[in-house]
């Protein structure tokens, strides 16, 4: 470093000229309080102005702004505004639940078919078809018995005719009748072959072909 007074060279970093004692350079301070040689363009202790600006601007961003930038860069999720399958189904159903009260009629536990829409009056019970027991329901009005699948009570046994017998319950006189329908093997009540219609009582035994059926009335 050349002295401005004596024009002699001094070692780099020397503050005063070793020949004449002249101050070789002026000391200045940066905004951060660092003292450095005025011959330096920037404070050697601080980052260069461009870098400092970049750092400061980046630090000024809030965490939320950085998060938004991250989401914009990587999250490719598409917002689906269409209705879900459940919402679509909800449009097809309506709640028709009725508030129950004591004044209402008896509850309907199952869909009523034309047959069981009639009043139940009893059963025919047999152990000849199934060793654990088998029962057939009897209703008001006419009940047909036979091997044909159009009968109300179907008994698939070779000794049973297609349309074997008819049982009839009349609500007016509250009596249960049975009549043979010109079957091949006949119809028996308590071991007696019937020729005409006959009144049935509780615990009577009906024989259709080889199948014994016990009458149980309500």
C-alpha atoms as a PDB file:
ATOM      1  CA  UNK A   1       0.000   0.000   0.000  1.00  0.00           C
ATOM      2  CA  UNK A   2       1.541   3.315  -1.118  1.00  0.00           C
ATOM      3  CA  UNK A   3       1.716   6.208   1.310  1.00  0.00           C
ATOM      4  CA  UNK A   4       0.091   9.364  -0.019  1.00  0.00           C
ATOM      5  CA  UNK A   5       2.656  11.521   1.732  1.00  0.00           C
ATOM      6  CA  UNK A   6       6.049   9.897   1.126  1.00  0.00           C
ATOM      7  CA  UNK A   7       4.960   7.701  -1.799  1.00  0.00           C
ATOM      8  CA  UNK A   8       6.677   4.663  -0.297  1.00  0.00           C
ATOM      9  CA  UNK A   9       5.179   1.156  -0.277  1.00  0.00           C
ATOM     10  CA  UNK A  10       3.980  -0.292   2.976  1.00  0.00           C
ATOM     11  CA  UNK A  11       2.892  -3.855   3.743  1.00  0.00           C
ATOM     12  CA  UNK A  12      -0.802  -4.603   3.050  1.00  0.00           C
ATOM     13  CA  UNK A  13      -2.988  -3.954   6.061  1.00  0.00           C
ATOM     14  CA  UNK A  14      -0.673  -1.373   7.648  1.00  0.00           C
ATOM     15  CA  UNK A  15      -2.658   1.487   9.099  1.00  0.00           C
ATOM     16  CA  UNK A  16       0.186   4.041   9.418  1.00  0.00           C
ATOM     17  CA  UNK A  17       3.157   4.535   7.070  1.00  0.00           C
ATOM     18  CA  UNK A  18       6.266   3.048   8.663  1.00  0.00           C
ATOM     19  CA  UNK A  19       8.417   5.673   7.020  1.00  0.00           C
ATOM     20  CA  UNK A  20       6.605   8.904   7.776  1.00  0.00           C
ATOM     21  CA  UNK A  21       3.822   7.880  10.094  1.00  0.00           C
ATOM     22  CA  UNK A  22       1.063   9.190   7.794  1.00  0.00           C
ATOM     23  CA  UNK A  23      -2.389   7.550   8.099  1.00  0.00           C
ATOM     24  CA  UNK A  24      -2.579   5.286   5.073  1.00  0.00           C
ATOM     25  CA  UNK A  25      -6.406   5.002   4.837  1.00  0.00           C
ATOM     26  CA  UNK A  26      -9.562   6.103   6.537  1.00  0.00           C
ATOM     27  CA  UNK A  27     -11.721   3.719   8.584  1.00  0.00           C
ATOM     28  CA  UNK A  28     -15.445   3.707   7.937  1.00  0.00           C
ATOM     29  CA  UNK A  29     -18.347   1.785   9.543  1.00  0.00           C
ATOM     30  CA  UNK A  30     -21.033  -0.295   7.797  1.00  0.00           C
ATOM     31  CA  UNK A  31     -24.734  -0.202   8.867  1.00  0.00           C
ATOM     32  CA  UNK A  32     -24.082  -3.317  10.943  1.00  0.00           C
ATOM     33  CA  UNK A  33     -21.350  -1.567  12.965  1.00  0.00           C
ATOM     34  CA  UNK A  34     -18.298  -3.160  11.314  1.00  0.00           C
ATOM     35  CA  UNK A  35     -15.179  -0.927  10.866  1.00  0.00           C
ATOM     36  CA  UNK A  36     -13.298  -1.445   7.631  1.00  0.00           C
ATOM     37  CA  UNK A  37     -10.883   0.232   5.199  1.00  0.00           C
ATOM     38  CA  UNK A  38     -12.474   2.970   3.123  1.00  0.00           C
ATOM     39  CA  UNK A  39     -10.648   1.581   0.102  1.00  0.00           C
ATOM     40  CA  UNK A  40     -12.892  -1.491   0.293  1.00  0.00           C
ATOM     41  CA  UNK A  41     -16.011  -1.269  -1.869  1.00  0.00           C
ATOM     42  CA  UNK A  42     -18.144  -3.266   0.574  1.00  0.00           C
ATOM     43  CA  UNK A  43     -17.848  -4.253   4.194  1.00  0.00           C
ATOM     44  CA  UNK A  44     -15.730  -7.427   4.209  1.00  0.00           C
ATOM     45  CA  UNK A  45     -17.631  -8.740   7.234  1.00  0.00           C
ATOM     46  CA  UNK A  46     -21.132  -8.482   5.719  1.00  0.00           C
ATOM     47  CA  UNK A  47     -22.553 -10.464   2.796  1.00  0.00           C
ATOM     48  CA  UNK A  48     -22.383  -8.773  -0.601  1.00  0.00           C
ATOM     49  CA  UNK A  49     -25.369  -6.453  -1.209  1.00  0.00           C
ATOM     50  CA  UNK A  50     -27.030  -8.735  -3.870  1.00  0.00           C
ATOM     51  CA  UNK A  51     -26.880 -11.808  -1.648  1.00  0.00           C
ATOM     52  CA  UNK A  52     -28.094  -9.864   1.353  1.00  0.00           C
ATOM     53  CA  UNK A  53     -31.085  -8.590  -0.594  1.00  0.00           C
ATOM     54  CA  UNK A  54     -32.010 -12.073  -1.677  1.00  0.00           C
ATOM     55  CA  UNK A  55     -31.746 -13.466   1.843  1.00  0.00           C
ATOM     56  CA  UNK A  56     -33.726 -10.617   3.348  1.00  0.00           C
ATOM     57  CA  UNK A  57     -36.535 -10.935   0.814  1.00  0.00           C
ATOM     58  CA  UNK A  58     -36.762 -14.676   1.331  1.00  0.00           C
ATOM     59  CA  UNK A  59     -36.770 -14.291   5.114  1.00  0.00           C
ATOM     60  CA  UNK A  60     -39.556 -11.723   4.902  1.00  0.00           C
ATOM     61  CA  UNK A  61     -41.923 -14.350   3.495  1.00  0.00           C
ATOM     62  CA  UNK A  62     -44.262 -15.753   6.069  1.00  0.00           C
ATOM     63  CA  UNK A  63     -44.533 -19.448   6.801  1.00  0.00           C
ATOM     64  CA  UNK A  64     -47.994 -19.441   5.216  1.00  0.00           C
ATOM     65  CA  UNK A  65     -46.631 -17.950   1.965  1.00  0.00           C
ATOM     66  CA  UNK A  66     -43.924 -20.604   1.816  1.00  0.00           C
ATOM     67  CA  UNK A  67     -46.516 -23.313   2.441  1.00  0.00           C
ATOM     68  CA  UNK A  68     -48.720 -21.993  -0.379  1.00  0.00           C
ATOM     69  CA  UNK A  69     -45.752 -22.023  -2.730  1.00  0.00           C
ATOM     70  CA  UNK A  70     -45.021 -25.604  -1.735  1.00  0.00           C
ATOM     71  CA  UNK A  71     -48.630 -26.654  -2.311  1.00  0.00           C
ATOM     72  CA  UNK A  72     -48.769 -24.907  -5.680  1.00  0.00           C
ATOM     73  CA  UNK A  73     -45.623 -26.702  -6.756  1.00  0.00           C
ATOM     74  CA  UNK A  74     -46.421 -30.261  -5.689  1.00  0.00           C
ATOM     75  CA  UNK A  75     -50.087 -30.757  -4.809  1.00  0.00           C
ATOM     76  CA  UNK A  76     -51.953 -31.785  -7.933  1.00  0.00           C
ATOM     77  CA  UNK A  77     -55.169 -32.768  -6.130  1.00  0.00           C
ATOM     78  CA  UNK A  78     -58.278 -31.961  -8.154  1.00  0.00           C
ATOM     79  CA  UNK A  79     -61.319 -30.750  -6.233  1.00  0.00           C
ATOM     80  CA  UNK A  80     -64.274 -33.003  -7.068  1.00  0.00           C
ATOM     81  CA  UNK A  81     -67.548 -31.127  -6.757  1.00  0.00           C
ATOM     82  CA  UNK A  82     -69.646 -34.045  -7.977  1.00  0.00           C
ATOM     83  CA  UNK A  83     -72.004 -35.766  -5.539  1.00  0.00           C
ATOM     84  CA  UNK A  84     -70.879 -38.875  -3.719  1.00  0.00           C
ATOM     85  CA  UNK A  85     -72.629 -42.197  -4.275  1.00  0.00           C
ATOM     86  CA  UNK A  86     -74.306 -41.879  -0.872  1.00  0.00           C
ATOM     87  CA  UNK A  87     -75.681 -38.429  -1.768  1.00  0.00           C
ATOM     88  CA  UNK A  88     -76.998 -39.823  -5.048  1.00  0.00           C
ATOM     89  CA  UNK A  89     -78.704 -42.692  -3.202  1.00  0.00           C
ATOM     90  CA  UNK A  90     -80.229 -40.341  -0.642  1.00  0.00           C
ATOM     91  CA  UNK A  91     -82.218 -38.753  -3.433  1.00  0.00           C
ATOM     92  CA  UNK A  92     -83.820 -42.097  -4.199  1.00  0.00           C
ATOM     93  CA  UNK A  93     -84.951 -42.862  -0.677  1.00  0.00           C
ATOM     94  CA  UNK A  94     -87.389 -41.113   1.578  1.00  0.00           C
ATOM     95  CA  UNK A  95     -88.000 -41.846   5.224  1.00  0.00           C
ATOM     96  CA  UNK A  96     -91.595 -43.003   5.502  1.00  0.00           C
ATOM     97  CA  UNK A  97     -91.312 -44.139   9.118  1.00  0.00           C
ATOM     98  CA  UNK A  98     -94.631 -43.656  10.921  1.00  0.00           C
ATOM     99  CA  UNK A  99     -94.671 -42.583  14.544  1.00  0.00           C
ATOM    100  CA  UNK A 100     -96.139 -45.494  16.490  1.00  0.00           C
ATOM    101  CA  UNK A 101     -99.103 -44.938  18.769  1.00  0.00           C
ATOM    102  CA  UNK A 102    -101.384 -47.153  20.818  1.00  0.00           C
ATOM    103  CA  UNK A 103    -104.391 -46.281  18.642  1.00  0.00           C
ATOM    104  CA  UNK A 104    -102.817 -47.651  15.487  1.00  0.00           C
ATOM    105  CA  UNK A 105    -103.640 -51.070  14.082  1.00  0.00           C
ATOM    106  CA  UNK A 106    -101.481 -54.153  14.645  1.00  0.00           C
ATOM    107  CA  UNK A 107     -97.987 -53.950  13.116  1.00  0.00           C
ATOM    108  CA  UNK A 108     -97.345 -55.629   9.769  1.00  0.00           C
ATOM    109  CA  UNK A 109     -94.205 -57.720  10.203  1.00  0.00           C
ATOM    110  CA  UNK A 110     -94.058 -59.090   6.666  1.00  0.00           C
ATOM    111  CA  UNK A 111     -95.543 -58.575   3.267  1.00  0.00           C
ATOM    112  CA  UNK A 112     -98.980 -60.186   3.217  1.00  0.00           C
ATOM    113  CA  UNK A 113     -99.592 -62.676   0.412  1.00  0.00           C
ATOM    114  CA  UNK A 114    -103.117 -63.508  -0.817  1.00  0.00           C
ATOM    115  CA  UNK A 115    -103.013 -66.760   1.189  1.00  0.00           C
ATOM    116  CA  UNK A 116    -101.916 -65.503   4.595  1.00  0.00           C
ATOM    117  CA  UNK A 117    -104.088 -62.411   4.338  1.00  0.00           C
ATOM    118  CA  UNK A 118    -106.781 -64.774   5.647  1.00  0.00           C
ATOM    119  CA  UNK A 119    -107.114 -65.429   9.366  1.00  0.00           C
ATOM    120  CA  UNK A 120    -105.106 -68.350  10.735  1.00  0.00           C
ATOM    121  CA  UNK A 121    -107.323 -70.966  12.406  1.00  0.00           C
ATOM    122  CA  UNK A 122    -104.931 -73.869  13.023  1.00  0.00           C
ATOM    123  CA  UNK A 123    -102.356 -76.342  11.715  1.00  0.00           C
ATOM    124  CA  UNK A 124    -101.916 -79.828  10.329  1.00  0.00           C
ATOM    125  CA  UNK A 125     -98.914 -81.518  11.966  1.00  0.00           C
ATOM    126  CA  UNK A 126     -97.107 -84.630  10.707  1.00  0.00           C
ATOM    127  CA  UNK A 127     -93.965 -86.631  11.496  1.00  0.00           C
ATOM    128  CA  UNK A 128     -94.273 -88.859   8.415  1.00  0.00           C
ATOM    129  CA  UNK A 129     -92.586 -86.356   6.079  1.00  0.00           C
ATOM    130  CA  UNK A 130     -89.838 -85.226   8.465  1.00  0.00           C
ATOM    131  CA  UNK A 131     -88.850 -87.059  11.648  1.00  0.00           C
ATOM    132  CA  UNK A 132     -88.406 -83.671  13.348  1.00  0.00           C
ATOM    133  CA  UNK A 133     -91.953 -82.696  12.450  1.00  0.00           C
ATOM    134  CA  UNK A 134     -93.615 -80.681   9.705  1.00  0.00           C
ATOM    135  CA  UNK A 135     -96.609 -78.355  10.000  1.00  0.00           C
ATOM    136  CA  UNK A 136     -99.003 -76.775   7.506  1.00  0.00           C
ATOM    137  CA  UNK A 137    -101.087 -73.728   8.337  1.00  0.00           C
ATOM    138  CA  UNK A 138    -104.864 -73.669   7.975  1.00  0.00           C
ATOM    139  CA  UNK A 139    -106.735 -70.453   7.185  1.00  0.00           C
ATOM    140  CA  UNK A 140    -110.343 -69.332   6.945  1.00  0.00           C
ATOM    141  CA  UNK A 141    -111.973 -70.425   3.700  1.00  0.00           C
ATOM    142  CA  UNK A 142    -110.793 -73.261   1.433  1.00  0.00           C
ATOM    143  CA  UNK A 143    -107.446 -75.088   1.719  1.00  0.00           C
ATOM    144  CA  UNK A 144    -106.588 -77.640  -0.962  1.00  0.00           C
ATOM    145  CA  UNK A 145    -104.290 -80.641  -0.371  1.00  0.00           C
ATOM    146  CA  UNK A 146    -102.478 -82.693  -3.011  1.00  0.00           C
ATOM    147  CA  UNK A 147     -99.341 -83.438  -4.982  1.00  0.00           C
ATOM    148  CA  UNK A 148     -99.935 -80.724  -7.574  1.00  0.00           C
ATOM    149  CA  UNK A 149     -97.937 -77.548  -6.950  1.00  0.00           C
ATOM    150  CA  UNK A 150    -101.085 -75.433  -7.329  1.00  0.00           C
ATOM    151  CA  UNK A 151    -102.433 -76.749  -4.008  1.00  0.00           C
ATOM    152  CA  UNK A 152    -102.238 -74.760  -0.777  1.00  0.00           C
ATOM    153  CA  UNK A 153    -100.696 -77.776   1.017  1.00  0.00           C
ATOM    154  CA  UNK A 154     -98.344 -79.736  -1.237  1.00  0.00           C
ATOM    155  CA  UNK A 155     -97.414 -83.299  -0.215  1.00  0.00           C
ATOM    156  CA  UNK A 156     -94.957 -84.929  -2.606  1.00  0.00           C
ATOM    157  CA  UNK A 157     -95.705 -88.566  -1.925  1.00  0.00           C
ATOM    158  CA  UNK A 158     -96.644 -91.203  -4.559  1.00  0.00           C
ATOM    159  CA  UNK A 159     -99.673 -92.273  -2.500  1.00  0.00           C
ATOM    160  CA  UNK A 160    -101.120 -88.733  -2.622  1.00  0.00           C
ATOM    161  CA  UNK A 161    -103.272 -87.723  -5.621  1.00  0.00           C
ATOM    162  CA  UNK A 162    -102.671 -84.485  -7.525  1.00  0.00           C
ATOM    163  CA  UNK A 163    -105.822 -82.922  -6.043  1.00  0.00           C
ATOM    164  CA  UNK A 164    -106.492 -85.189  -3.085  1.00  0.00           C
ATOM    165  CA  UNK A 165    -108.772 -83.366  -0.613  1.00  0.00           C
ATOM    166  CA  UNK A 166    -110.296 -80.058   0.392  1.00  0.00           C
ATOM    167  CA  UNK A 167    -110.491 -78.548   3.887  1.00  0.00           C
ATOM    168  CA  UNK A 168    -113.011 -75.759   4.445  1.00  0.00           C
ATOM    169  CA  UNK A 169    -113.461 -73.426   7.412  1.00  0.00           C
ATOM    170  CA  UNK A 170    -116.642 -71.353   7.552  1.00  0.00           C
ATOM    171  CA  UNK A 171    -116.417 -68.315   9.854  1.00  0.00           C
ATOM    172  CA  UNK A 172    -120.213 -68.127  10.155  1.00  0.00           C
ATOM    173  CA  UNK A 173    -120.613 -71.469  11.910  1.00  0.00           C
ATOM    174  CA  UNK A 174    -116.935 -71.707  12.990  1.00  0.00           C
ATOM    175  CA  UNK A 175    -116.669 -75.293  11.814  1.00  0.00           C
ATOM    176  CA  UNK A 176    -113.891 -77.079   9.948  1.00  0.00           C
ATOM    177  CA  UNK A 177    -114.825 -79.549   7.222  1.00  0.00           C
ATOM    178  CA  UNK A 178    -112.853 -82.013   5.083  1.00  0.00           C
ATOM    179  CA  UNK A 179    -113.936 -83.612   1.820  1.00  0.00           C
ATOM    180  CA  UNK A 180    -112.211 -86.147  -0.407  1.00  0.00           C
ATOM    181  CA  UNK A 181    -111.697 -85.001  -3.996  1.00  0.00           C
ATOM    182  CA  UNK A 182    -112.160 -88.407  -5.686  1.00  0.00           C
ATOM    183  CA  UNK A 183    -108.605 -89.398  -4.756  1.00  0.00           C
ATOM    184  CA  UNK A 184    -107.166 -92.809  -5.698  1.00  0.00           C
ATOM    185  CA  UNK A 185    -106.297 -93.911  -2.136  1.00  0.00           C
ATOM    186  CA  UNK A 186    -109.106 -92.050  -0.359  1.00  0.00           C
ATOM    187  CA  UNK A 187    -109.117 -89.786   2.694  1.00  0.00           C
ATOM    188  CA  UNK A 188    -109.439 -91.088   6.243  1.00  0.00           C
ATOM    189  CA  UNK A 189    -110.400 -89.373   9.501  1.00  0.00           C
ATOM    190  CA  UNK A 190    -109.465 -91.267  12.650  1.00  0.00           C
ATOM    191  CA  UNK A 191    -108.910 -94.401  10.521  1.00  0.00           C
ATOM    192  CA  UNK A 192    -112.366 -94.213   8.900  1.00  0.00           C
ATOM    193  CA  UNK A 193    -112.722 -93.674   5.148  1.00  0.00           C
ATOM    194  CA  UNK A 194    -114.945 -90.688   4.419  1.00  0.00           C
ATOM    195  CA  UNK A 195    -117.434 -90.609   1.529  1.00  0.00           C
ATOM    196  CA  UNK A 196    -118.857 -87.136   2.071  1.00  0.00           C
ATOM    197  CA  UNK A 197    -117.665 -84.009   3.821  1.00  0.00           C
ATOM    198  CA  UNK A 198    -117.002 -84.438   7.507  1.00  0.00           C
ATOM    199  CA  UNK A 199    -116.535 -82.057  10.416  1.00  0.00           C
ATOM    200  CA  UNK A 200    -113.044 -81.998  11.928  1.00  0.00           C
ATOM    201  CA  UNK A 201    -112.247 -81.453  15.606  1.00  0.00           C
ATOM    202  CA  UNK A 202    -109.051 -80.620  17.463  1.00  0.00           C
ATOM    203  CA  UNK A 203    -106.599 -83.591  17.596  1.00  0.00           C
ATOM    204  CA  UNK A 204    -108.373 -85.542  14.824  1.00  0.00           C
ATOM    205  CA  UNK A 205    -106.023 -87.595  12.620  1.00  0.00           C
ATOM    206  CA  UNK A 206    -106.384 -87.168   8.872  1.00  0.00           C
ATOM    207  CA  UNK A 207    -104.780 -89.741   6.567  1.00  0.00           C
ATOM    208  CA  UNK A 208    -103.941 -88.525   3.056  1.00  0.00           C
ATOM    209  CA  UNK A 209    -102.572 -91.550   1.154  1.00  0.00           C
ATOM    210  CA  UNK A 210     -99.936 -92.872   3.582  1.00  0.00           C
ATOM    211  CA  UNK A 211     -99.369 -89.512   5.342  1.00  0.00           C
ATOM    212  CA  UNK A 212    -100.943 -88.935   8.762  1.00  0.00           C
ATOM    213  CA  UNK A 213    -101.775 -85.343   9.707  1.00  0.00           C
ATOM    214  CA  UNK A 214    -102.937 -84.243  13.160  1.00  0.00           C
ATOM    215  CA  UNK A 215    -105.419 -81.368  13.395  1.00  0.00           C
ATOM    216  CA  UNK A 216    -104.505 -78.585  15.858  1.00  0.00           C
ATOM    217  CA  UNK A 217    -107.032 -75.769  16.086  1.00  0.00           C
ATOM    218  CA  UNK A 218    -106.630 -72.375  17.746  1.00  0.00           C
END
